[in-house]
């Protein structure tokens, strides 16, 4: 199955592109879903950053975080998107952080853990019995919050790979995890709109 590759509206640094290729080029299906998703998230984040110039967010950090936030999915068992690893999908967040730290991207590695949902507290992880380290995984920097927010609009499903979810769709999905999570999302929406 030959997938059409979209071209980003921004320049991906060579070091970021080489890292993506290292882990994804040998798996065309995973590469397609990963690369397309990350481009769309990054493009949206850059559009918002341009609109919110007064926040003075670092565009280079946004691009690196946007393109690498999901790097760990290749180690998970998600055959629908071409990933045949041994870990549950949720584990991609801490696996991605470890991968980025090992690859010399320690400065942005936390984005991998901090972009899921509206962030996960240590209590969320314990209460839900997630197979994750017991620590807070909440977005802290503006750039992390921006990637967390932009990530909600695109998924790795065909329906929302290149077509964004509506605000209503996102809110319905987020509220399933609790009113507090919806409140967190609404705060992000207010911050970036």
Protein backbone atom coordinates (compact mmCIF):
# COMPACT_ATOMS: atom_id res chain seq x y z
CA UNK A 1 0.00 0.00 0.00
CA UNK A 2 1.63 3.25 -1.17
CA UNK A 3 0.76 6.19 1.07
CA UNK A 4 0.88 9.74 -0.22
CA UNK A 5 3.33 11.80 1.81
CA UNK A 6 2.30 15.33 2.69
CA UNK A 7 4.85 18.12 2.60
CA UNK A 8 5.12 20.37 5.64
CA UNK A 9 4.62 24.13 5.43
CA UNK A 10 7.72 24.55 7.61
CA UNK A 11 11.31 23.36 7.57
CA UNK A 12 12.10 20.26 9.60
CA UNK A 13 15.64 20.44 11.04
CA UNK A 14 17.94 17.76 9.67
CA UNK A 15 18.57 16.32 13.15
CA UNK A 16 14.83 15.86 13.71
CA UNK A 17 14.26 14.36 10.24
CA UNK A 18 17.19 11.96 10.70
CA UNK A 19 15.77 10.77 14.04
CA UNK A 20 12.33 10.16 12.54
CA UNK A 21 13.90 8.29 9.62
CA UNK A 22 16.02 6.19 11.99
CA UNK A 23 12.96 4.79 13.75
CA UNK A 24 10.25 4.95 11.06
CA UNK A 25 11.67 4.64 7.52
CA UNK A 26 11.76 0.83 7.68
CA UNK A 27 8.01 0.75 8.39
CA UNK A 28 6.14 2.63 5.62
CA UNK A 29 2.73 2.35 7.28
CA UNK A 30 3.96 3.60 10.67
CA UNK A 31 5.95 6.32 8.92
CA UNK A 32 2.86 7.53 7.06
CA UNK A 33 0.70 7.80 10.17
CA UNK A 34 3.44 9.19 12.38
CA UNK A 35 4.81 11.73 9.90
CA UNK A 36 1.41 12.96 8.72
CA UNK A 37 0.06 13.32 12.26
CA UNK A 38 3.13 15.19 13.48
CA UNK A 39 3.14 17.55 10.51
CA UNK A 40 -0.51 18.48 11.04
CA UNK A 41 -0.02 19.01 14.79
CA UNK A 42 3.09 21.13 14.16
CA UNK A 43 1.42 23.22 11.46
CA UNK A 44 -1.50 24.01 13.75
CA UNK A 45 0.84 24.84 16.63
CA UNK A 46 2.86 27.18 14.42
CA UNK A 47 -0.32 28.90 13.17
CA UNK A 48 -1.38 29.51 16.77
CA UNK A 49 2.11 30.70 17.78
CA UNK A 50 2.05 33.17 14.89
CA UNK A 51 -1.35 34.46 16.03
CA UNK A 52 -0.12 34.69 19.64
CA UNK A 53 3.15 36.51 18.95
CA UNK A 54 2.92 38.29 22.30
CA UNK A 55 3.61 34.92 24.00
CA UNK A 56 7.05 34.87 22.34
CA UNK A 57 7.09 31.10 21.94
CA UNK A 58 10.18 29.51 20.41
CA UNK A 59 9.29 28.30 16.88
CA UNK A 60 12.29 25.95 16.75
CA UNK A 61 11.15 24.28 19.98
CA UNK A 62 7.59 24.05 18.65
CA UNK A 63 8.81 22.31 15.47
CA UNK A 64 11.05 19.86 17.33
CA UNK A 65 8.36 19.08 19.93
CA UNK A 66 5.61 18.83 17.33
CA UNK A 67 7.58 16.47 15.13
CA UNK A 68 8.89 14.27 17.96
CA UNK A 69 6.12 14.22 20.59
CA UNK A 70 4.91 10.75 19.49
CA UNK A 71 8.29 9.19 18.63
CA UNK A 72 7.66 6.33 21.09
CA UNK A 73 4.66 4.84 19.27
CA UNK A 74 6.99 2.67 17.18
CA UNK A 75 7.68 0.60 20.33
CA UNK A 76 3.98 -0.02 21.00
CA UNK A 77 1.56 -2.66 19.82
CA UNK A 78 -0.63 -0.63 17.45
CA UNK A 79 -0.83 -2.72 14.25
CA UNK A 80 -3.53 -0.49 12.69
CA UNK A 81 -0.89 2.21 12.33
CA UNK A 82 1.99 -0.11 11.49
CA UNK A 83 3.54 -0.36 14.96
CA UNK A 84 4.39 -3.85 16.17
CA UNK A 85 6.19 -3.25 19.45
CA UNK A 86 5.60 -5.01 22.73
CA UNK A 87 4.23 -2.16 24.85
CA UNK A 88 0.65 -0.87 25.27
CA UNK A 89 -0.01 2.30 23.28
CA UNK A 90 -0.17 4.60 26.34
CA UNK A 91 3.44 3.64 27.09
CA UNK A 92 4.61 5.61 24.06
CA UNK A 93 4.75 8.69 26.25
CA UNK A 94 7.50 7.55 28.63
CA UNK A 95 9.19 5.44 25.94
CA UNK A 96 9.39 8.50 23.72
CA UNK A 97 10.94 10.54 26.49
CA UNK A 98 13.58 7.84 27.04
CA UNK A 99 14.27 7.67 23.30
CA UNK A 100 14.75 11.42 22.99
CA UNK A 101 16.99 11.53 26.05
CA UNK A 102 19.15 8.74 24.60
CA UNK A 103 19.30 10.49 21.21
CA UNK A 104 20.52 13.82 22.61
CA UNK A 105 17.19 15.67 22.74
CA UNK A 106 16.96 15.81 26.54
CA UNK A 107 15.89 19.46 26.48
CA UNK A 108 12.60 18.65 24.72
CA UNK A 109 12.16 14.99 25.79
CA UNK A 110 9.51 15.82 28.43
CA UNK A 111 7.04 16.78 25.67
CA UNK A 112 6.58 13.08 24.98
CA UNK A 113 5.13 12.56 28.45
CA UNK A 114 3.29 15.85 28.72
CA UNK A 115 1.13 15.89 25.59
CA UNK A 116 -1.37 13.10 26.31
CA UNK A 117 -4.91 14.20 27.02
CA UNK A 118 -4.55 17.43 28.95
CA UNK A 119 -1.63 15.94 30.84
CA UNK A 120 -1.54 13.20 33.47
CA UNK A 121 -0.91 13.74 37.16
CA UNK A 122 0.78 11.09 39.26
CA UNK A 123 -2.64 10.54 40.88
CA UNK A 124 -4.28 10.05 37.44
CA UNK A 125 -1.68 7.42 36.57
CA UNK A 126 -2.10 5.52 39.84
CA UNK A 127 -5.91 5.79 39.88
CA UNK A 128 -6.21 4.54 36.29
CA UNK A 129 -3.54 1.88 36.81
CA UNK A 130 -1.72 3.05 33.67
CA UNK A 131 1.49 1.14 32.85
CA UNK A 132 3.49 4.33 33.34
CA UNK A 133 6.06 5.63 35.82
CA UNK A 134 4.41 7.21 38.84
CA UNK A 135 5.20 10.89 38.30
CA UNK A 136 3.42 14.00 37.05
CA UNK A 137 3.27 14.22 33.27
CA UNK A 138 1.66 17.63 32.90
CA UNK A 139 2.56 20.27 30.29
CA UNK A 140 4.58 23.06 31.90
CA UNK A 141 6.05 25.38 29.26
CA UNK A 142 3.92 27.35 26.82
CA UNK A 143 5.35 25.28 23.98
CA UNK A 144 4.40 22.03 25.75
CA UNK A 145 0.89 23.33 26.41
CA UNK A 146 0.62 24.35 22.76
CA UNK A 147 1.61 20.90 21.45
CA UNK A 148 -0.73 19.25 23.96
CA UNK A 149 -3.56 21.47 22.68
CA UNK A 150 -2.80 21.10 18.96
CA UNK A 151 -2.50 17.31 19.34
CA UNK A 152 -6.17 17.10 20.33
CA UNK A 153 -7.25 18.20 16.86
CA UNK A 154 -5.54 15.40 14.94
CA UNK A 155 -5.34 11.67 15.52
CA UNK A 156 -3.78 8.75 13.72
CA UNK A 157 -7.15 7.57 12.42
CA UNK A 158 -7.95 8.12 8.76
CA UNK A 159 -10.87 10.38 9.69
CA UNK A 160 -8.75 12.88 11.62
CA UNK A 161 -5.28 12.33 10.24
CA UNK A 162 -5.44 15.44 8.03
CA UNK A 163 -8.89 16.80 8.87
CA UNK A 164 -9.09 18.35 12.33
CA UNK A 165 -11.65 17.35 14.90
CA UNK A 166 -14.20 19.99 15.76
CA UNK A 167 -14.07 21.66 19.15
CA UNK A 168 -17.28 19.85 20.05
CA UNK A 169 -15.76 16.45 19.14
CA UNK A 170 -12.69 17.18 21.25
CA UNK A 171 -14.74 18.31 24.24
CA UNK A 172 -16.92 15.15 24.05
CA UNK A 173 -13.82 12.98 23.97
CA UNK A 174 -12.03 14.82 26.79
CA UNK A 175 -15.01 14.93 29.18
CA UNK A 176 -15.07 11.10 29.21
CA UNK A 177 -11.97 11.36 31.41
CA UNK A 178 -13.65 13.73 33.86
CA UNK A 179 -14.95 17.26 34.21
CA UNK A 180 -11.53 18.35 35.51
CA UNK A 181 -9.93 17.21 32.23
CA UNK A 182 -12.53 19.17 30.27
CA UNK A 183 -11.72 22.18 32.45
CA UNK A 184 -8.03 21.72 31.62
CA UNK A 185 -8.81 21.57 27.92
CA UNK A 186 -11.06 24.63 28.10
CA UNK A 187 -8.22 26.51 29.83
CA UNK A 188 -5.85 25.54 27.00
CA UNK A 189 -8.46 26.63 24.45
CA UNK A 190 -8.82 30.00 26.15
CA UNK A 191 -5.03 30.40 26.28
CA UNK A 192 -4.56 29.75 22.58
CA UNK A 193 -7.66 31.39 21.05
